């Protein structure tokens, strides 16, 4: 439990801006980061008008997982 390191949190905060620019009427974005041994996971749920988009991404490196999520 706990908050991610500030650099990782700031990097992840830039991520929704990179994805939401592709959609109109974004209501909100939820991001969850978790670590289990060597498995770094980030999940993003974008709530749009009329639908939700949920994307998970796993990698050994959290920064790579964040980039993979956007891709």
C-alpha atoms as a PDB file:
ATOM      1  CA  UNK A   1       0.000   0.000   0.000  1.00  0.00           C
ATOM      2  CA  UNK A   2       1.008   3.594  -0.323  1.00  0.00           C
ATOM      3  CA  UNK A   3       1.502   6.297  -2.866  1.00  0.00           C
ATOM      4  CA  UNK A   4       3.835   5.905  -5.844  1.00  0.00           C
ATOM      5  CA  UNK A   5       7.090   7.895  -5.885  1.00  0.00           C
ATOM      6  CA  UNK A   6       6.545  11.497  -7.070  1.00  0.00           C
ATOM      7  CA  UNK A   7       8.395  11.037 -10.385  1.00  0.00           C
ATOM      8  CA  UNK A   8       6.292   7.996 -11.274  1.00  0.00           C
ATOM      9  CA  UNK A   9       3.079   9.728 -10.221  1.00  0.00           C
ATOM     10  CA  UNK A  10       3.918  12.801 -12.339  1.00  0.00           C
ATOM     11  CA  UNK A  11       4.723  10.608 -15.348  1.00  0.00           C
ATOM     12  CA  UNK A  12       1.409   8.764 -14.957  1.00  0.00           C
ATOM     13  CA  UNK A  13      -0.488  12.050 -14.563  1.00  0.00           C
ATOM     14  CA  UNK A  14       0.728  13.152 -17.994  1.00  0.00           C
ATOM     15  CA  UNK A  15      -0.630   9.887 -19.438  1.00  0.00           C
ATOM     16  CA  UNK A  16      -4.384  10.713 -19.315  1.00  0.00           C
ATOM     17  CA  UNK A  17      -3.708  13.940 -21.191  1.00  0.00           C
ATOM     18  CA  UNK A  18      -2.041  11.899 -23.942  1.00  0.00           C
ATOM     19  CA  UNK A  19      -5.049   9.576 -24.247  1.00  0.00           C
ATOM     20  CA  UNK A  20      -8.001  11.888 -23.603  1.00  0.00           C
ATOM     21  CA  UNK A  21      -7.076  14.229 -26.467  1.00  0.00           C
ATOM     22  CA  UNK A  22      -8.370  11.492 -28.799  1.00  0.00           C
ATOM     23  CA  UNK A  23     -11.882  11.538 -27.325  1.00  0.00           C
ATOM     24  CA  UNK A  24     -14.646  14.083 -26.985  1.00  0.00           C
ATOM     25  CA  UNK A  25     -16.783  14.438 -23.861  1.00  0.00           C
ATOM     26  CA  UNK A  26     -14.412  12.797 -21.356  1.00  0.00           C
ATOM     27  CA  UNK A  27     -16.169  12.710 -17.994  1.00  0.00           C
ATOM     28  CA  UNK A  28     -13.218  11.495 -15.906  1.00  0.00           C
ATOM     29  CA  UNK A  29     -10.193   9.201 -15.903  1.00  0.00           C
ATOM     30  CA  UNK A  30      -9.212   6.681 -13.212  1.00  0.00           C
ATOM     31  CA  UNK A  31      -5.660   5.326 -13.041  1.00  0.00           C
ATOM     32  CA  UNK A  32      -4.505   2.463 -10.808  1.00  0.00           C
ATOM     33  CA  UNK A  33      -0.855   1.451 -10.480  1.00  0.00           C
ATOM     34  CA  UNK A  34       0.198  -1.740  -8.695  1.00  0.00           C
ATOM     35  CA  UNK A  35       3.380  -3.710  -8.144  1.00  0.00           C
ATOM     36  CA  UNK A  36       3.679  -7.421  -7.387  1.00  0.00           C
ATOM     37  CA  UNK A  37       7.324  -8.506  -7.356  1.00  0.00           C
ATOM     38  CA  UNK A  38       8.537  -8.019 -10.944  1.00  0.00           C
ATOM     39  CA  UNK A  39       5.077  -7.315 -12.395  1.00  0.00           C
ATOM     40  CA  UNK A  40       4.367  -3.596 -12.721  1.00  0.00           C
ATOM     41  CA  UNK A  41       0.766  -2.939 -13.720  1.00  0.00           C
ATOM     42  CA  UNK A  42      -1.131   0.191 -14.674  1.00  0.00           C
ATOM     43  CA  UNK A  43      -4.829   0.323 -15.496  1.00  0.00           C
ATOM     44  CA  UNK A  44      -6.701   3.267 -16.923  1.00  0.00           C
ATOM     45  CA  UNK A  45     -10.449   3.670 -17.219  1.00  0.00           C
ATOM     46  CA  UNK A  46     -11.662   6.553 -19.350  1.00  0.00           C
ATOM     47  CA  UNK A  47     -15.299   7.417 -18.679  1.00  0.00           C
ATOM     48  CA  UNK A  48     -16.875   8.923 -21.779  1.00  0.00           C
ATOM     49  CA  UNK A  49     -20.385  10.041 -22.488  1.00  0.00           C
ATOM     50  CA  UNK A  50     -22.173   6.754 -23.198  1.00  0.00           C
ATOM     51  CA  UNK A  51     -19.281   4.320 -22.619  1.00  0.00           C
ATOM     52  CA  UNK A  52     -16.221   3.410 -20.567  1.00  0.00           C
ATOM     53  CA  UNK A  53     -12.870   2.276 -21.945  1.00  0.00           C
ATOM     54  CA  UNK A  54     -10.669   0.140 -19.675  1.00  0.00           C
ATOM     55  CA  UNK A  55      -7.068  -0.667 -20.624  1.00  0.00           C
ATOM     56  CA  UNK A  56      -4.543  -2.586 -18.481  1.00  0.00           C
ATOM     57  CA  UNK A  57      -0.825  -2.891 -19.247  1.00  0.00           C
ATOM     58  CA  UNK A  58       1.896  -4.977 -17.539  1.00  0.00           C
ATOM     59  CA  UNK A  59       5.687  -4.700 -17.765  1.00  0.00           C
ATOM     60  CA  UNK A  60       8.755  -5.246 -15.606  1.00  0.00           C
ATOM     61  CA  UNK A  61       9.235  -1.440 -15.677  1.00  0.00           C
ATOM     62  CA  UNK A  62       6.418   0.923 -14.656  1.00  0.00           C
ATOM     63  CA  UNK A  63       7.480   3.645 -17.099  1.00  0.00           C
ATOM     64  CA  UNK A  64       7.342   1.105 -19.952  1.00  0.00           C
ATOM     65  CA  UNK A  65       3.915  -0.039 -18.712  1.00  0.00           C
ATOM     66  CA  UNK A  66       2.665   3.551 -18.770  1.00  0.00           C
ATOM     67  CA  UNK A  67       3.986   4.046 -22.309  1.00  0.00           C
ATOM     68  CA  UNK A  68       2.467   0.728 -23.406  1.00  0.00           C
ATOM     69  CA  UNK A  69      -0.890   1.787 -22.040  1.00  0.00           C
ATOM     70  CA  UNK A  70      -0.888   4.893 -24.223  1.00  0.00           C
ATOM     71  CA  UNK A  71       0.212   2.952 -27.291  1.00  0.00           C
END
